[in-house]
Structures are given as structure tokens and as C-alpha cells.
């Protein structure tokens, strides 16, 4: 006899749906990739930017955006590891908001790159 209680042997159910777990898996890989893309963009902007003002504005936008994507990656990893915790539903919403904020943060970067190139 192992001494374990029947409750310990039973599988603990996830508090988030399988669909949301699949979304978190995609967010995990995508946000890490986008953080790297933002850091790569920092170097590329210095090569193609014609204006120092545009270059410094893009530097700030990309640095903050990269931090947001890194935060989304870390929180997503935590959410996947602790998907049985009672607080996980609100935490998953935080992951999705961080990812969305990172995507929205890339919009001014795209506009400034077009301005710098044209």
C-alpha cells in the first residue's frame, strides 16, 4: 500500500479549457519570436533611418515593445505551469492583454519605419 489518499491519485482537472491552453502555447512561441523581432528591428532602424528623431522614437517604441513581449512570454509560461491554480483564469487574461498590448505597440513602429524609408 502506498499510503496515498484516493484524492492524490485522481487527476487534478485544469481550470482553463483545452482551447485556451492551445492558445497559450501559440502565444508562448509567438511572443518570444516577436520579442526577438523587436530587438532585431532596433539594429535595422539605425541602418535605414534617415532622421535621428525617427530613429530615437523607434528605439523607445521597440525597447518597450520587446519588454512587453518578454513579459507576455514569462507570464504565459507561468500560466501553463500553474494551470491547476485557483487564480489561473485571471492570470490567463493578463497573458492575453500583454500579448495584445505588444501587437498594438508594433503599429507605431511600422508607421515610423514607413516614414523613415520614404
N, C-alpha and C. Protein backbone atom coordinates (compact mmCIF):
# COMPACT_ATOMS: atom_id res chain seq x y z
N UNK A 1 0.84 -1.18 0.00
CA UNK A 1 0.00 0.00 0.00
C UNK A 1 0.88 1.24 0.00
N UNK A 2 0.64 2.16 -0.86
CA UNK A 2 1.48 3.34 -1.00
C UNK A 2 1.20 4.39 0.06
N UNK A 3 0.10 4.34 0.71
CA UNK A 3 -0.23 5.33 1.73
C UNK A 3 -0.83 6.59 1.15
N UNK A 4 -0.99 6.66 -0.16
CA UNK A 4 -1.55 7.86 -0.79
C UNK A 4 -3.06 7.83 -0.66
N UNK A 5 -3.63 8.97 -0.53
CA UNK A 5 -5.08 9.07 -0.45
C UNK A 5 -5.68 8.94 -1.83
N UNK A 6 -6.93 8.53 -1.94
CA UNK A 6 -7.56 8.42 -3.26
C UNK A 6 -7.60 9.76 -3.99
N UNK A 7 -7.71 10.87 -3.25
CA UNK A 7 -7.74 12.18 -3.90
C UNK A 7 -6.39 12.52 -4.55
N UNK A 8 -5.29 12.06 -3.96
CA UNK A 8 -3.97 12.33 -4.52
C UNK A 8 -3.77 11.55 -5.81
N UNK A 9 -4.39 10.39 -5.92
CA UNK A 9 -4.24 9.58 -7.12
C UNK A 9 -5.08 10.10 -8.28
N UNK A 10 -6.15 10.80 -7.98
CA UNK A 10 -7.03 11.33 -9.03
C UNK A 10 -6.35 12.50 -9.73
N UNK A 11 -6.57 12.59 -11.00
CA UNK A 11 -6.01 13.70 -11.78
C UNK A 11 -6.71 15.00 -11.40
N UNK A 12 -5.91 16.03 -11.21
CA UNK A 12 -6.46 17.35 -10.89
C UNK A 12 -6.91 17.98 -12.20
N UNK A 13 -8.16 18.41 -12.29
CA UNK A 13 -8.63 18.99 -13.55
C UNK A 13 -8.04 20.38 -13.79
N UNK A 14 -7.82 20.68 -15.06
CA UNK A 14 -7.37 22.01 -15.43
C UNK A 14 -8.49 23.01 -15.18
N UNK A 15 -8.12 24.18 -14.73
CA UNK A 15 -9.11 25.22 -14.51
C UNK A 15 -9.30 26.10 -15.74
N UNK A 16 -8.52 25.84 -16.78
CA UNK A 16 -8.71 26.52 -18.06
C UNK A 16 -8.98 25.45 -19.12
N UNK A 17 -9.68 25.83 -20.15
CA UNK A 17 -10.09 24.86 -21.17
C UNK A 17 -8.90 24.45 -22.05
N UNK A 18 -9.06 23.34 -22.71
CA UNK A 18 -8.03 22.87 -23.63
C UNK A 18 -7.79 23.88 -24.76
N UNK A 19 -8.86 24.54 -25.18
CA UNK A 19 -8.74 25.56 -26.23
C UNK A 19 -7.83 26.70 -25.77
N UNK A 20 -8.02 27.16 -24.53
CA UNK A 20 -7.18 28.24 -24.01
C UNK A 20 -5.74 27.79 -23.80
N UNK A 21 -5.55 26.53 -23.46
CA UNK A 21 -4.19 26.01 -23.33
C UNK A 21 -3.49 26.03 -24.69
N UNK A 22 -4.21 25.66 -25.74
CA UNK A 22 -3.64 25.71 -27.09
C UNK A 22 -3.29 27.15 -27.49
N UNK A 23 -4.15 28.08 -27.13
CA UNK A 23 -3.86 29.49 -27.41
C UNK A 23 -2.62 29.93 -26.66
N UNK A 24 -2.51 29.54 -25.39
CA UNK A 24 -1.32 29.89 -24.61
C UNK A 24 -0.05 29.32 -25.22
N UNK A 25 -0.13 28.12 -25.75
CA UNK A 25 1.05 27.52 -26.40
C UNK A 25 1.48 28.34 -27.61
N UNK A 26 0.50 28.81 -28.36
CA UNK A 26 0.82 29.65 -29.53
C UNK A 26 1.35 31.01 -29.11
N UNK A 27 0.75 31.59 -28.08
CA UNK A 27 1.22 32.88 -27.57
C UNK A 27 2.64 32.76 -27.05
N UNK A 28 2.97 31.66 -26.40
CA UNK A 28 4.30 31.45 -25.86
C UNK A 28 5.36 31.51 -26.95
N UNK A 29 5.14 30.78 -28.03
CA UNK A 29 6.14 30.77 -29.10
C UNK A 29 6.14 32.08 -29.90
N UNK A 30 4.97 32.62 -30.14
CA UNK A 30 4.89 33.83 -30.95
C UNK A 30 5.43 35.05 -30.21
N UNK A 31 5.14 35.19 -28.92
CA UNK A 31 5.61 36.37 -28.20
C UNK A 31 7.13 36.34 -28.05
N UNK A 32 7.71 35.16 -27.88
CA UNK A 32 9.17 35.08 -27.85
C UNK A 32 9.79 35.48 -29.18
N UNK A 33 9.17 35.04 -30.26
CA UNK A 33 9.66 35.41 -31.59
C UNK A 33 9.53 36.91 -31.84
N UNK A 34 8.41 37.49 -31.44
CA UNK A 34 8.20 38.92 -31.65
C UNK A 34 9.13 39.77 -30.78
N UNK A 35 9.49 39.28 -29.59
CA UNK A 35 10.47 39.99 -28.77
C UNK A 35 11.81 40.04 -29.50
N UNK A 36 12.21 38.92 -30.10
CA UNK A 36 13.43 38.90 -30.89
C UNK A 36 13.35 39.78 -32.12
N UNK A 37 12.18 39.82 -32.75
CA UNK A 37 11.99 40.69 -33.91
C UNK A 37 12.13 42.16 -33.52
N UNK A 38 11.61 42.53 -32.37
CA UNK A 38 11.74 43.92 -31.91
C UNK A 38 13.21 44.28 -31.68
N UNK A 39 13.95 43.36 -31.09
CA UNK A 39 15.38 43.63 -30.85
C UNK A 39 16.15 43.69 -32.16
N UNK A 40 15.78 42.87 -33.13
CA UNK A 40 16.41 42.94 -34.45
C UNK A 40 16.07 44.26 -35.13
N UNK A 41 14.83 44.70 -34.95
CA UNK A 41 14.41 45.98 -35.53
C UNK A 41 15.21 47.15 -35.01
N UNK A 42 15.67 47.07 -33.76
CA UNK A 42 16.49 48.15 -33.21
C UNK A 42 17.75 48.35 -34.04
N UNK A 43 18.39 47.27 -34.44
CA UNK A 43 19.60 47.38 -35.25
C UNK A 43 19.31 47.81 -36.67
N UNK A 44 18.23 47.32 -37.24
CA UNK A 44 17.90 47.65 -38.62
C UNK A 44 17.52 49.12 -38.76
N UNK A 45 16.85 49.67 -37.78
CA UNK A 45 16.41 51.06 -37.86
C UNK A 45 17.61 52.00 -37.96
N UNK A 46 18.67 51.70 -37.26
CA UNK A 46 19.84 52.57 -37.32
C UNK A 46 20.50 52.57 -38.69
N UNK A 47 20.30 51.51 -39.43
CA UNK A 47 20.88 51.41 -40.77
C UNK A 47 20.04 52.18 -41.79
N UNK A 48 18.70 52.08 -41.71
CA UNK A 48 17.86 52.64 -42.76
C UNK A 48 17.25 53.99 -42.42
N UNK A 49 17.27 54.38 -41.14
CA UNK A 49 16.60 55.64 -40.76
C UNK A 49 17.40 56.83 -41.27
N UNK A 50 16.68 57.77 -41.87
CA UNK A 50 17.30 58.99 -42.38
C UNK A 50 17.26 60.10 -41.34
N UNK A 51 16.41 59.97 -40.37
CA UNK A 51 16.22 61.00 -39.36
C UNK A 51 16.60 60.46 -37.98
N UNK A 52 17.37 61.26 -37.25
CA UNK A 52 17.76 60.86 -35.89
C UNK A 52 16.56 60.89 -34.95
N UNK A 53 15.61 61.80 -35.18
CA UNK A 53 14.41 61.87 -34.35
C UNK A 53 13.57 60.61 -34.51
N UNK A 54 13.39 60.17 -35.75
CA UNK A 54 12.63 58.95 -36.00
C UNK A 54 13.35 57.76 -35.40
N UNK A 55 14.66 57.73 -35.53
CA UNK A 55 15.44 56.62 -35.00
C UNK A 55 15.32 56.51 -33.49
N UNK A 56 15.38 57.64 -32.79
CA UNK A 56 15.27 57.58 -31.33
C UNK A 56 13.85 57.22 -30.88
N UNK A 57 12.84 57.68 -31.62
CA UNK A 57 11.46 57.33 -31.29
C UNK A 57 11.23 55.84 -31.49
N UNK A 58 11.75 55.29 -32.57
CA UNK A 58 11.60 53.86 -32.85
C UNK A 58 12.37 53.05 -31.80
N UNK A 59 13.54 53.56 -31.37
CA UNK A 59 14.29 52.86 -30.33
C UNK A 59 13.45 52.67 -29.07
N UNK A 60 12.80 53.73 -28.64
CA UNK A 60 11.98 53.67 -27.43
C UNK A 60 10.80 52.72 -27.63
N UNK A 61 10.11 52.86 -28.75
CA UNK A 61 8.95 52.01 -29.02
C UNK A 61 9.34 50.54 -29.05
N UNK A 62 10.42 50.22 -29.75
CA UNK A 62 10.82 48.82 -29.86
C UNK A 62 11.35 48.25 -28.55
N UNK A 63 12.05 49.07 -27.77
CA UNK A 63 12.56 48.59 -26.48
C UNK A 63 11.40 48.27 -25.54
N UNK A 64 10.43 49.17 -25.47
CA UNK A 64 9.27 48.93 -24.60
C UNK A 64 8.46 47.74 -25.12
N UNK A 65 8.27 47.68 -26.41
CA UNK A 65 7.51 46.58 -27.01
C UNK A 65 8.19 45.24 -26.77
N UNK A 66 9.50 45.22 -26.87
CA UNK A 66 10.24 43.99 -26.59
C UNK A 66 10.05 43.55 -25.15
N UNK A 67 10.07 44.50 -24.21
CA UNK A 67 9.83 44.17 -22.80
C UNK A 67 8.42 43.64 -22.58
N UNK A 68 7.46 44.20 -23.30
CA UNK A 68 6.07 43.72 -23.18
C UNK A 68 5.96 42.29 -23.68
N UNK A 69 6.60 42.00 -24.81
CA UNK A 69 6.56 40.62 -25.34
C UNK A 69 7.30 39.65 -24.42
N UNK A 70 8.40 40.08 -23.82
CA UNK A 70 9.11 39.22 -22.88
C UNK A 70 8.23 38.96 -21.65
N UNK A 71 7.54 40.00 -21.18
CA UNK A 71 6.62 39.81 -20.05
C UNK A 71 5.50 38.85 -20.43
N UNK A 72 4.99 38.96 -21.65
CA UNK A 72 3.95 38.04 -22.11
C UNK A 72 4.48 36.61 -22.18
N UNK A 73 5.72 36.43 -22.59
CA UNK A 73 6.31 35.11 -22.66
C UNK A 73 6.45 34.49 -21.27
N UNK A 74 6.96 35.27 -20.34
CA UNK A 74 7.16 34.76 -18.98
C UNK A 74 5.82 34.45 -18.31
N UNK A 75 4.86 35.36 -18.42
CA UNK A 75 3.56 35.11 -17.79
C UNK A 75 2.84 33.93 -18.45
N UNK A 76 3.05 33.75 -19.73
CA UNK A 76 2.45 32.61 -20.43
C UNK A 76 3.05 31.31 -19.92
N UNK A 77 4.35 31.29 -19.73
CA UNK A 77 4.99 30.09 -19.19
C UNK A 77 4.47 29.77 -17.80
N UNK A 78 4.34 30.80 -16.97
CA UNK A 78 3.81 30.61 -15.61
C UNK A 78 2.37 30.09 -15.67
N UNK A 79 1.58 30.64 -16.57
CA UNK A 79 0.18 30.21 -16.70
C UNK A 79 0.10 28.74 -17.11
N UNK A 80 0.98 28.30 -17.99
CA UNK A 80 0.96 26.90 -18.41
C UNK A 80 1.43 25.97 -17.30
N UNK A 81 2.38 26.42 -16.50
CA UNK A 81 2.89 25.59 -15.41
C UNK A 81 1.89 25.47 -14.26
N UNK A 82 1.14 26.51 -14.00
CA UNK A 82 0.22 26.54 -12.85
C UNK A 82 -1.23 26.54 -13.30
N UNK A 83 -1.56 25.76 -14.31
CA UNK A 83 -2.91 25.78 -14.84
C UNK A 83 -3.94 25.15 -13.91
N UNK A 84 -3.49 24.54 -12.82
CA UNK A 84 -4.40 23.96 -11.83
C UNK A 84 -4.68 24.92 -10.67
N UNK A 85 -4.00 26.06 -10.63
CA UNK A 85 -4.15 27.00 -9.51
C UNK A 85 -5.49 27.72 -9.60
N UNK A 86 -5.99 28.13 -8.46
CA UNK A 86 -7.30 28.78 -8.41
C UNK A 86 -7.29 30.16 -9.06
N UNK A 87 -6.13 30.81 -9.16
CA UNK A 87 -6.03 32.17 -9.69
C UNK A 87 -5.71 32.19 -11.18
N UNK A 88 -5.70 31.04 -11.83
CA UNK A 88 -5.18 30.97 -13.20
C UNK A 88 -6.06 31.67 -14.23
N UNK A 89 -7.35 31.70 -14.04
CA UNK A 89 -8.22 32.31 -15.06
C UNK A 89 -7.92 33.78 -15.26
N UNK A 90 -7.74 34.51 -14.17
CA UNK A 90 -7.38 35.93 -14.28
C UNK A 90 -5.98 36.12 -14.84
N UNK A 91 -5.09 35.19 -14.51
CA UNK A 91 -3.71 35.28 -14.99
C UNK A 91 -3.65 35.06 -16.50
N UNK A 92 -4.47 34.15 -17.01
CA UNK A 92 -4.52 33.91 -18.46
C UNK A 92 -5.01 35.17 -19.17
N UNK A 93 -5.96 35.87 -18.58
CA UNK A 93 -6.41 37.14 -19.17
C UNK A 93 -5.26 38.15 -19.22
N UNK A 94 -4.42 38.17 -18.19
CA UNK A 94 -3.25 39.07 -18.19
C UNK A 94 -2.30 38.72 -19.32
N UNK A 95 -2.08 37.44 -19.55
CA UNK A 95 -1.22 37.00 -20.66
C UNK A 95 -1.75 37.52 -21.98
N UNK A 96 -3.04 37.36 -22.19
CA UNK A 96 -3.64 37.80 -23.45
C UNK A 96 -3.59 39.31 -23.60
N UNK A 97 -3.78 40.05 -22.52
CA UNK A 97 -3.69 41.51 -22.59
C UNK A 97 -2.28 41.98 -22.89
N UNK A 98 -1.29 41.35 -22.28
CA UNK A 98 0.11 41.71 -22.57
C UNK A 98 0.44 41.44 -24.03
N UNK A 99 0.01 40.31 -24.54
CA UNK A 99 0.28 39.99 -25.94
C UNK A 99 -0.40 40.99 -26.88
N UNK A 100 -1.64 41.31 -26.57
CA UNK A 100 -2.36 42.29 -27.39
C UNK A 100 -1.69 43.67 -27.31
N UNK A 101 -1.24 44.06 -26.13
CA UNK A 101 -0.54 45.34 -25.98
C UNK A 101 0.73 45.36 -26.81
N UNK A 102 1.44 44.24 -26.84
CA UNK A 102 2.64 44.16 -27.67
C UNK A 102 2.33 44.30 -29.15
N UNK A 103 1.25 43.65 -29.59
CA UNK A 103 0.86 43.78 -31.00
C UNK A 103 0.47 45.21 -31.35
N UNK A 104 -0.29 45.84 -30.48
CA UNK A 104 -0.70 47.23 -30.72
C UNK A 104 0.52 48.14 -30.68
N UNK A 105 1.48 47.82 -29.82
CA UNK A 105 2.71 48.62 -29.75
C UNK A 105 3.55 48.55 -31.01
N UNK A 106 3.35 47.53 -31.81
CA UNK A 106 4.11 47.43 -33.06
C UNK A 106 3.55 48.33 -34.16
N UNK A 107 2.33 48.80 -34.01
CA UNK A 107 1.73 49.66 -35.03
C UNK A 107 2.51 50.96 -35.24
N UNK A 108 2.83 51.71 -34.16
CA UNK A 108 3.62 52.94 -34.40
C UNK A 108 4.99 52.64 -34.99
N UNK A 109 5.56 51.51 -34.64
CA UNK A 109 6.85 51.12 -35.22
C UNK A 109 6.73 50.99 -36.73
N UNK A 110 5.70 50.32 -37.20
CA UNK A 110 5.51 50.16 -38.63
C UNK A 110 5.31 51.49 -39.35
N UNK A 111 4.53 52.37 -38.73
CA UNK A 111 4.30 53.69 -39.33
C UNK A 111 5.60 54.48 -39.39
N UNK A 112 6.39 54.47 -38.32
CA UNK A 112 7.64 55.21 -38.30
C UNK A 112 8.68 54.64 -39.25
N UNK A 113 8.68 53.34 -39.44
CA UNK A 113 9.58 52.74 -40.42
C UNK A 113 9.22 53.18 -41.83
N UNK A 114 7.91 53.19 -42.13
CA UNK A 114 7.49 53.67 -43.45
C UNK A 114 7.88 55.12 -43.64
N UNK A 115 7.72 55.94 -42.62
CA UNK A 115 8.11 57.36 -42.69
C UNK A 115 9.62 57.50 -42.90
N UNK A 116 10.40 56.66 -42.20
CA UNK A 116 11.85 56.76 -42.30
C UNK A 116 12.35 56.31 -43.67
N UNK A 117 11.71 55.32 -44.26
CA UNK A 117 12.16 54.81 -45.56
C UNK A 117 11.73 55.74 -46.68
N UNK A 118 10.52 56.24 -46.60
CA UNK A 118 10.01 57.11 -47.67
C UNK A 118 10.52 58.48 -47.44
